[in-house]
Amino acid sequence: IDQGGAEQLLGHGDMLYMPPGTSLPIRVHGAFVSDDEVHRVVEAWKLRGTPDYNDDILAGVEEAGSGFDGGSGEGGED
């Protein structure tokens, strides 16, 4: 950001955000989840049994494709 202030951050989700069109950052606090907490949640869900996937959702993704038309990005007909 090329400005002071980062040294005063507390860590664990505390950050500076500079919105577009402004010259001053604002202090925001995002959610922080440690790696250990993520691993514990994943292990807890694994203990619940094997997943039961909804194949209809996967079929919809395959039909829709990636969402990119492979165009040049020049825009199309309006």
PDB file of N, CA and C in Angstrom:
ATOM      1  N   ILE A   1       0.839  -1.186   0.000  1.00  0.00           N
ATOM      2  CA  ILE A   1       0.000   0.000   0.000  1.00  0.00           C
ATOM      3  C   ILE A   1       0.881   1.245   0.000  1.00  0.00           C
ATOM      4  N   ASP A   2       2.142   1.084   0.257  1.00  0.00           N
ATOM      5  CA  ASP A   2       3.079   2.206   0.307  1.00  0.00           C
ATOM      6  C   ASP A   2       2.712   3.236   1.365  1.00  0.00           C
ATOM      7  N   GLN A   3       2.133   2.788   2.466  1.00  0.00           N
ATOM      8  CA  GLN A   3       1.788   3.668   3.580  1.00  0.00           C
ATOM      9  C   GLN A   3       2.030   2.921   4.880  1.00  0.00           C
ATOM     10  N   GLY A   4       2.172   3.679   5.950  1.00  0.00           N
ATOM     11  CA  GLY A   4       2.318   3.074   7.261  1.00  0.00           C
ATOM     12  C   GLY A   4       0.982   2.559   7.764  1.00  0.00           C
ATOM     13  N   GLY A   5       1.031   1.788   8.806  1.00  0.00           N
ATOM     14  CA  GLY A   5      -0.193   1.293   9.427  1.00  0.00           C
ATOM     15  C   GLY A   5      -0.203  -0.209   9.598  1.00  0.00           C
ATOM     16  N   ALA A   6       0.473  -0.919   8.708  1.00  0.00           N
ATOM     17  CA  ALA A   6       0.466  -2.381   8.779  1.00  0.00           C
ATOM     18  C   ALA A   6       1.122  -2.882  10.062  1.00  0.00           C
ATOM     19  N   GLU A   7       2.071  -2.119  10.583  1.00  0.00           N
ATOM     20  CA  GLU A   7       2.755  -2.548  11.804  1.00  0.00           C
ATOM     21  C   GLU A   7       1.827  -2.539  13.022  1.00  0.00           C
ATOM     22  N   GLN A   8       0.672  -1.886  12.906  1.00  0.00           N
ATOM     23  CA  GLN A   8      -0.276  -1.824  14.018  1.00  0.00           C
ATOM     24  C   GLN A   8      -1.354  -2.909  13.941  1.00  0.00           C
ATOM     25  N   LEU A   9      -1.322  -3.716  12.897  1.00  0.00           N
ATOM     26  CA  LEU A   9      -2.335  -4.758  12.746  1.00  0.00           C
ATOM     27  C   LEU A   9      -2.113  -5.872  13.760  1.00  0.00           C
ATOM     28  N   LEU A  10      -3.189  -6.486  14.184  1.00  0.00           N
ATOM     29  CA  LEU A  10      -3.134  -7.519  15.212  1.00  0.00           C
ATOM     30  C   LEU A  10      -2.893  -8.913  14.648  1.00  0.00           C
ATOM     31  N   GLY A  11      -3.135  -9.115  13.364  1.00  0.00           N
ATOM     32  CA  GLY A  11      -3.007 -10.436  12.758  1.00  0.00           C
ATOM     33  C   GLY A  11      -4.300 -11.217  12.866  1.00  0.00           C
ATOM     34  N   HIS A  12      -4.294 -12.449  12.394  1.00  0.00           N
ATOM     35  CA  HIS A  12      -5.462 -13.339  12.472  1.00  0.00           C
ATOM     36  C   HIS A  12      -6.711 -12.703  11.881  1.00  0.00           C
ATOM     37  N   GLY A  13      -6.611 -12.156  10.683  1.00  0.00           N
ATOM     38  CA  GLY A  13      -7.773 -11.590  10.001  1.00  0.00           C
ATOM     39  C   GLY A  13      -7.811 -10.078  10.008  1.00  0.00           C
ATOM     40  N   ASP A  14      -6.980  -9.436  10.812  1.00  0.00           N
ATOM     41  CA  ASP A  14      -6.924  -7.974  10.860  1.00  0.00           C
ATOM     42  C   ASP A  14      -6.154  -7.502   9.631  1.00  0.00           C
ATOM     43  N   MET A  15      -6.730  -6.585   8.861  1.00  0.00           N
ATOM     44  CA  MET A  15      -6.062  -6.163   7.624  1.00  0.00           C
ATOM     45  C   MET A  15      -6.437  -4.740   7.240  1.00  0.00           C
ATOM     46  N   LEU A  16      -5.673  -4.200   6.295  1.00  0.00           N
ATOM     47  CA  LEU A  16      -5.973  -2.898   5.720  1.00  0.00           C
ATOM     48  C   LEU A  16      -6.537  -3.117   4.327  1.00  0.00           C
ATOM     49  N   TYR A  17      -7.581  -2.385   3.995  1.00  0.00           N
ATOM     50  CA  TYR A  17      -8.227  -2.491   2.687  1.00  0.00           C
ATOM     51  C   TYR A  17      -8.299  -1.098   2.087  1.00  0.00           C
ATOM     52  N   MET A  18      -7.854  -0.984   0.839  1.00  0.00           N
ATOM     53  CA  MET A  18      -7.932   0.295   0.160  1.00  0.00           C
ATOM     54  C   MET A  18      -8.965   0.185  -0.958  1.00  0.00           C
ATOM     55  N   PRO A  19     -10.166   0.719  -0.734  1.00  0.00           N
ATOM     56  CA  PRO A  19     -11.203   0.660  -1.766  1.00  0.00           C
ATOM     57  C   PRO A  19     -10.774   1.413  -3.024  1.00  0.00           C
ATOM     58  N   PRO A  20     -11.262   1.003  -4.182  1.00  0.00           N
ATOM     59  CA  PRO A  20     -10.939   1.704  -5.427  1.00  0.00           C
ATOM     60  C   PRO A  20     -11.351   3.174  -5.344  1.00  0.00           C
ATOM     61  N   GLY A  21     -10.497   4.039  -5.851  1.00  0.00           N
ATOM     62  CA  GLY A  21     -10.809   5.460  -5.905  1.00  0.00           C
ATOM     63  C   GLY A  21     -10.520   6.216  -4.627  1.00  0.00           C
ATOM     64  N   THR A  22      -9.900   5.561  -3.648  1.00  0.00           N
ATOM     65  CA  THR A  22      -9.560   6.254  -2.407  1.00  0.00           C
ATOM     66  C   THR A  22      -8.059   6.230  -2.207  1.00  0.00           C
ATOM     67  N   SER A  23      -7.577   7.109  -1.359  1.00  0.00           N
ATOM     68  CA  SER A  23      -6.142   7.138  -1.093  1.00  0.00           C
ATOM     69  C   SER A  23      -5.819   6.704   0.334  1.00  0.00           C
ATOM     70  N   LEU A  24      -6.855   6.477   1.142  1.00  0.00           N
ATOM     71  CA  LEU A  24      -6.630   6.060   2.518  1.00  0.00           C
ATOM     72  C   LEU A  24      -7.180   4.655   2.758  1.00  0.00           C
ATOM     73  N   PRO A  25      -6.351   3.778   3.325  1.00  0.00           N
ATOM     74  CA  PRO A  25      -6.847   2.432   3.636  1.00  0.00           C
ATOM     75  C   PRO A  25      -7.754   2.461   4.862  1.00  0.00           C
ATOM     76  N   ILE A  26      -8.666   1.504   4.923  1.00  0.00           N
ATOM     77  CA  ILE A  26      -9.505   1.352   6.107  1.00  0.00           C
ATOM     78  C   ILE A  26      -9.188   0.003   6.743  1.00  0.00           C
ATOM     79  N   ARG A  27      -9.298  -0.041   8.046  1.00  0.00           N
ATOM     80  CA  ARG A  27      -8.996  -1.264   8.780  1.00  0.00           C
ATOM     81  C   ARG A  27     -10.237  -2.146   8.790  1.00  0.00           C
ATOM     82  N   VAL A  28     -10.076  -3.390   8.392  1.00  0.00           N
ATOM     83  CA  VAL A  28     -11.175  -4.352   8.380  1.00  0.00           C
ATOM     84  C   VAL A  28     -10.712  -5.621   9.087  1.00  0.00           C
ATOM     85  N   HIS A  29     -11.671  -6.413   9.478  1.00  0.00           N
ATOM     86  CA  HIS A  29     -11.338  -7.677  10.134  1.00  0.00           C
ATOM     87  C   HIS A  29     -12.103  -8.797   9.448  1.00  0.00           C
ATOM     88  N   GLY A  30     -11.369  -9.706   8.840  1.00  0.00           N
ATOM     89  CA  GLY A  30     -11.983 -10.841   8.174  1.00  0.00           C
ATOM     90  C   GLY A  30     -11.965 -12.059   9.087  1.00  0.00           C
ATOM     91  N   ALA A  31     -12.728 -13.055   8.702  1.00  0.00           N
ATOM     92  CA  ALA A  31     -12.760 -14.301   9.477  1.00  0.00           C
ATOM     93  C   ALA A  31     -11.415 -14.998   9.356  1.00  0.00           C
ATOM     94  N   PHE A  32     -10.918 -15.511  10.451  1.00  0.00           N
ATOM     95  CA  PHE A  32      -9.670 -16.263  10.439  1.00  0.00           C
ATOM     96  C   PHE A  32      -9.943 -17.670  10.936  1.00  0.00           C
ATOM     97  N   VAL A  33      -9.515 -18.641  10.167  1.00  0.00           N
ATOM     98  CA  VAL A  33      -9.635 -20.043  10.557  1.00  0.00           C
ATOM     99  C   VAL A  33      -8.247 -20.649  10.409  1.00  0.00           C
ATOM    100  N   SER A  34      -7.729 -21.187  11.486  1.00  0.00           N
ATOM    101  CA  SER A  34      -6.385 -21.764  11.443  1.00  0.00           C
ATOM    102  C   SER A  34      -6.398 -23.078  10.664  1.00  0.00           C
ATOM    103  N   ASP A  35      -5.222 -23.478  10.191  1.00  0.00           N
ATOM    104  CA  ASP A  35      -5.102 -24.756   9.485  1.00  0.00           C
ATOM    105  C   ASP A  35      -5.536 -25.911  10.383  1.00  0.00           C
ATOM    106  N   ASP A  36      -5.166 -25.840  11.654  1.00  0.00           N
ATOM    107  CA  ASP A  36      -5.531 -26.898  12.593  1.00  0.00           C
ATOM    108  C   ASP A  36      -7.049 -27.023  12.712  1.00  0.00           C
ATOM    109  N   GLU A  37      -7.740 -25.891  12.769  1.00  0.00           N
ATOM    110  CA  GLU A  37      -9.200 -25.927  12.875  1.00  0.00           C
ATOM    111  C   GLU A  37      -9.830 -26.526  11.620  1.00  0.00           C
ATOM    112  N   VAL A  38      -9.293 -26.186  10.456  1.00  0.00           N
ATOM    113  CA  VAL A  38      -9.803 -26.748   9.199  1.00  0.00           C
ATOM    114  C   VAL A  38      -9.623 -28.263   9.197  1.00  0.00           C
ATOM    115  N   HIS A  39      -8.452 -28.730   9.609  1.00  0.00           N
ATOM    116  CA  HIS A  39      -8.190 -30.173   9.638  1.00  0.00           C
ATOM    117  C   HIS A  39      -9.126 -30.891  10.604  1.00  0.00           C
ATOM    118  N   ARG A  40      -9.404 -30.279  11.755  1.00  0.00           N
ATOM    119  CA  ARG A  40     -10.310 -30.903  12.720  1.00  0.00           C
ATOM    120  C   ARG A  40     -11.735 -30.991  12.176  1.00  0.00           C
ATOM    121  N   VAL A  41     -12.182 -29.963  11.474  1.00  0.00           N
ATOM    122  CA  VAL A  41     -13.529 -29.989  10.891  1.00  0.00           C
ATOM    123  C   VAL A  41     -13.614 -31.067   9.809  1.00  0.00           C
ATOM    124  N   VAL A  42     -12.587 -31.149   8.966  1.00  0.00           N
ATOM    125  CA  VAL A  42     -12.573 -32.164   7.904  1.00  0.00           C
ATOM    126  C   VAL A  42     -12.606 -33.561   8.516  1.00  0.00           C
ATOM    127  N   GLU A  43     -11.804 -33.795   9.538  1.00  0.00           N
ATOM    128  CA  GLU A  43     -11.796 -35.110  10.186  1.00  0.00           C
ATOM    129  C   GLU A  43     -13.152 -35.429  10.806  1.00  0.00           C
ATOM    130  N   ALA A  44     -13.800 -34.450  11.405  1.00  0.00           N
ATOM    131  CA  ALA A  44     -15.125 -34.675  11.995  1.00  0.00           C
ATOM    132  C   ALA A  44     -16.130 -35.074  10.922  1.00  0.00           C
ATOM    133  N   TRP A  45     -16.063 -34.439   9.763  1.00  0.00           N
ATOM    134  CA  TRP A  45     -16.992 -34.791   8.681  1.00  0.00           C
ATOM    135  C   TRP A  45     -16.669 -36.162   8.100  1.00  0.00           C
ATOM    136  N   LYS A  46     -15.394 -36.526   8.057  1.00  0.00           N
ATOM    137  CA  LYS A  46     -15.025 -37.855   7.558  1.00  0.00           C
ATOM    138  C   LYS A  46     -15.595 -38.955   8.454  1.00  0.00           C
ATOM    139  N   LEU A  47     -15.681 -38.692   9.753  1.00  0.00           N
ATOM    140  CA  LEU A  47     -16.213 -39.684  10.693  1.00  0.00           C
ATOM    141  C   LEU A  47     -17.708 -39.906  10.504  1.00  0.00           C
ATOM    142  N   ARG A  48     -18.375 -39.011   9.834  1.00  0.00           N
ATOM    143  CA  ARG A  48     -19.823 -39.122   9.623  1.00  0.00           C
ATOM    144  C   ARG A  48     -20.177 -40.134   8.537  1.00  0.00           C
ATOM    145  N   GLY A  49     -19.195 -40.634   7.825  1.00  0.00           N
ATOM    146  CA  GLY A  49     -19.460 -41.637   6.798  1.00  0.00           C
ATOM    147  C   GLY A  49     -19.053 -41.152   5.423  1.00  0.00           C
ATOM    148  N   THR A  50     -19.337 -41.990   4.437  1.00  0.00           N
ATOM    149  CA  THR A  50     -18.977 -41.645   3.068  1.00  0.00           C
ATOM    150  C   THR A  50     -19.967 -40.631   2.506  1.00  0.00           C
ATOM    151  N   PRO A  51     -19.509 -39.799   1.596  1.00  0.00           N
ATOM    152  CA  PRO A  51     -20.408 -38.788   1.020  1.00  0.00           C
ATOM    153  C   PRO A  51     -21.456 -39.420   0.113  1.00  0.00           C
ATOM    154  N   ASP A  52     -22.578 -38.771  -0.007  1.00  0.00           N
ATOM    155  CA  ASP A  52     -23.654 -39.194  -0.892  1.00  0.00           C
ATOM    156  C   ASP A  52     -23.836 -38.075  -1.912  1.00  0.00           C
ATOM    157  N   TYR A  53     -23.132 -38.189  -3.027  1.00  0.00           N
ATOM    158  CA  TYR A  53     -23.126 -37.130  -4.030  1.00  0.00           C
ATOM    159  C   TYR A  53     -24.425 -37.107  -4.825  1.00  0.00           C
ATOM    160  N   ASN A  54     -24.847 -35.935  -5.203  1.00  0.00           N
ATOM    161  CA  ASN A  54     -26.017 -35.748  -6.052  1.00  0.00           C
ATOM    162  C   ASN A  54     -25.513 -35.661  -7.492  1.00  0.00           C
ATOM    163  N   ASP A  55     -25.654 -36.740  -8.254  1.00  0.00           N
ATOM    164  CA  ASP A  55     -25.128 -36.798  -9.617  1.00  0.00           C
ATOM    165  C   ASP A  55     -25.797 -35.796 -10.550  1.00  0.00           C
ATOM    166  N   ASP A  56     -27.024 -35.367 -10.242  1.00  0.00           N
ATOM    167  CA  ASP A  56     -27.702 -34.377 -11.084  1.00  0.00           C
ATOM    168  C   ASP A  56     -26.936 -33.060 -11.122  1.00  0.00           C
ATOM    169  N   ILE A  57     -26.307 -32.702 -10.027  1.00  0.00           N
ATOM    170  CA  ILE A  57     -25.536 -31.456  -9.983  1.00  0.00           C
ATOM    171  C   ILE A  57     -24.340 -31.563 -10.913  1.00  0.00           C
ATOM    172  N   LEU A  58     -23.631 -32.688 -10.858  1.00  0.00           N
ATOM    173  CA  LEU A  58     -22.475 -32.873 -11.730  1.00  0.00           C
ATOM    174  C   LEU A  58     -22.885 -32.899 -13.194  1.00  0.00           C
ATOM    175  N   ALA A  59     -24.020 -33.468 -13.520  1.00  0.00           N
ATOM    176  CA  ALA A  59     -24.494 -33.503 -14.902  1.00  0.00           C
ATOM    177  C   ALA A  59     -24.767 -32.086 -15.394  1.00  0.00           C
ATOM    178  N   GLY A  60     -25.307 -31.241 -14.538  1.00  0.00           N
ATOM    179  CA  GLY A  60     -25.573 -29.854 -14.915  1.00  0.00           C
ATOM    180  C   GLY A  60     -24.303 -29.091 -15.217  1.00  0.00           C
ATOM    181  N   VAL A  61     -23.237 -29.381 -14.482  1.00  0.00           N
ATOM    182  CA  VAL A  61     -21.955 -28.713 -14.711  1.00  0.00           C
ATOM    183  C   VAL A  61     -21.388 -29.133 -16.057  1.00  0.00           C
ATOM    184  N   GLU A  62     -21.476 -30.416 -16.385  1.00  0.00           N
ATOM    185  CA  GLU A  62     -20.942 -30.905 -17.651  1.00  0.00           C
ATOM    186  C   GLU A  62     -21.707 -30.319 -18.832  1.00  0.00           C
ATOM    187  N   GLU A  63     -23.029 -30.182 -18.701  1.00  0.00           N
ATOM    188  CA  GLU A  63     -23.834 -29.621 -19.787  1.00  0.00           C
ATOM    189  C   GLU A  63     -23.532 -28.146 -19.999  1.00  0.00           C
ATOM    190  N   ALA A  64     -23.318 -27.417 -18.918  1.00  0.00           N
ATOM    191  CA  ALA A  64     -23.092 -25.978 -19.011  1.00  0.00           C
ATOM    192  C   ALA A  64     -21.694 -25.657 -19.511  1.00  0.00           C
ATOM    193  N   GLY A  65     -20.761 -26.539 -19.341  1.00  0.00           N
ATOM    194  CA  GLY A  65     -19.393 -26.279 -19.754  1.00  0.00           C
ATOM    195  C   GLY A  65     -18.695 -25.372 -18.766  1.00  0.00           C
ATOM    196  N   SER A  66     -17.607 -24.756 -19.202  1.00  0.00           N
ATOM    197  CA  SER A  66     -16.809 -23.936 -18.304  1.00  0.00           C
ATOM    198  C   SER A  66     -17.354 -22.533 -18.148  1.00  0.00           C
ATOM    199  N   GLY A  67     -18.240 -22.106 -19.035  1.00  0.00           N
ATOM    200  CA  GLY A  67     -18.742 -20.744 -18.969  1.00  0.00           C
ATOM    201  C   GLY A  67     -17.960 -19.792 -19.852  1.00  0.00           C
ATOM    202  N   PHE A  68     -16.881 -20.290 -20.460  1.00  0.00           N
ATOM    203  CA  PHE A  68     -16.089 -19.457 -21.349  1.00  0.00           C
ATOM    204  C   PHE A  68     -16.387 -19.857 -22.785  1.00  0.00           C
ATOM    205  N   ASP A  69     -16.581 -18.868 -23.635  1.00  0.00           N
ATOM    206  CA  ASP A  69     -16.906 -19.177 -25.022  1.00  0.00           C
ATOM    207  C   ASP A  69     -15.680 -19.215 -25.918  1.00  0.00           C
ATOM    208  N   GLY A  70     -14.519 -18.938 -25.357  1.00  0.00           N
ATOM    209  CA  GLY A  70     -13.300 -18.975 -26.148  1.00  0.00           C
ATOM    210  C   GLY A  70     -13.130 -17.768 -27.037  1.00  0.00           C
ATOM    211  N   GLY A  71     -13.928 -16.745 -26.835  1.00  0.00           N
ATOM    212  CA  GLY A  71     -13.846 -15.539 -27.652  1.00  0.00           C
ATOM    213  C   GLY A  71     -12.639 -14.704 -27.310  1.00  0.00           C
ATOM    214  N   SER A  72     -12.508 -13.608 -28.023  1.00  0.00           N
ATOM    215  CA  SER A  72     -11.353 -12.743 -27.847  1.00  0.00           C
ATOM    216  C   SER A  72     -11.539 -11.731 -26.740  1.00  0.00           C
ATOM    217  N   GLY A  73     -12.741 -11.637 -26.182  1.00  0.00           N
ATOM    218  CA  GLY A  73     -12.982 -10.658 -25.145  1.00  0.00           C
ATOM    219  C   GLY A  73     -13.332  -9.293 -25.691  1.00  0.00           C
ATOM    220  N   GLU A  74     -13.528  -9.207 -26.984  1.00  0.00           N
ATOM    221  CA  GLU A  74     -13.836  -7.938 -27.632  1.00  0.00           C
ATOM    222  C   GLU A  74     -15.289  -7.539 -27.464  1.00  0.00           C
ATOM    223  N   GLY A  75     -16.080  -8.421 -26.893  1.00  0.00           N
ATOM    224  CA  GLY A  75     -17.505  -8.124 -26.770  1.00  0.00           C
ATOM    225  C   GLY A  75     -18.242  -8.751 -27.926  1.00  0.00           C
ATOM    226  N   GLY A  76     -19.539  -8.806 -27.799  1.00  0.00           N
ATOM    227  CA  GLY A  76     -20.327  -9.432 -28.845  1.00  0.00           C
ATOM    228  C   GLY A  76     -21.445  -8.521 -29.273  1.00  0.00           C
ATOM    229  N   GLU A  77     -22.464  -9.143 -29.823  1.00  0.00           N
ATOM    230  CA  GLU A  77     -23.618  -8.361 -30.243  1.00  0.00           C
ATOM    231  C   GLU A  77     -24.365  -7.866 -29.026  1.00  0.00           C
ATOM    232  N   ASP A  78     -24.863  -6.652 -29.087  1.00  0.00           N
ATOM    233  CA  ASP A  78     -25.600  -6.088 -27.956  1.00  0.00           C
ATOM    234  C   ASP A  78     -27.063  -6.296 -28.089  1.00  0.00           C
TER     235      ASP A  78
END
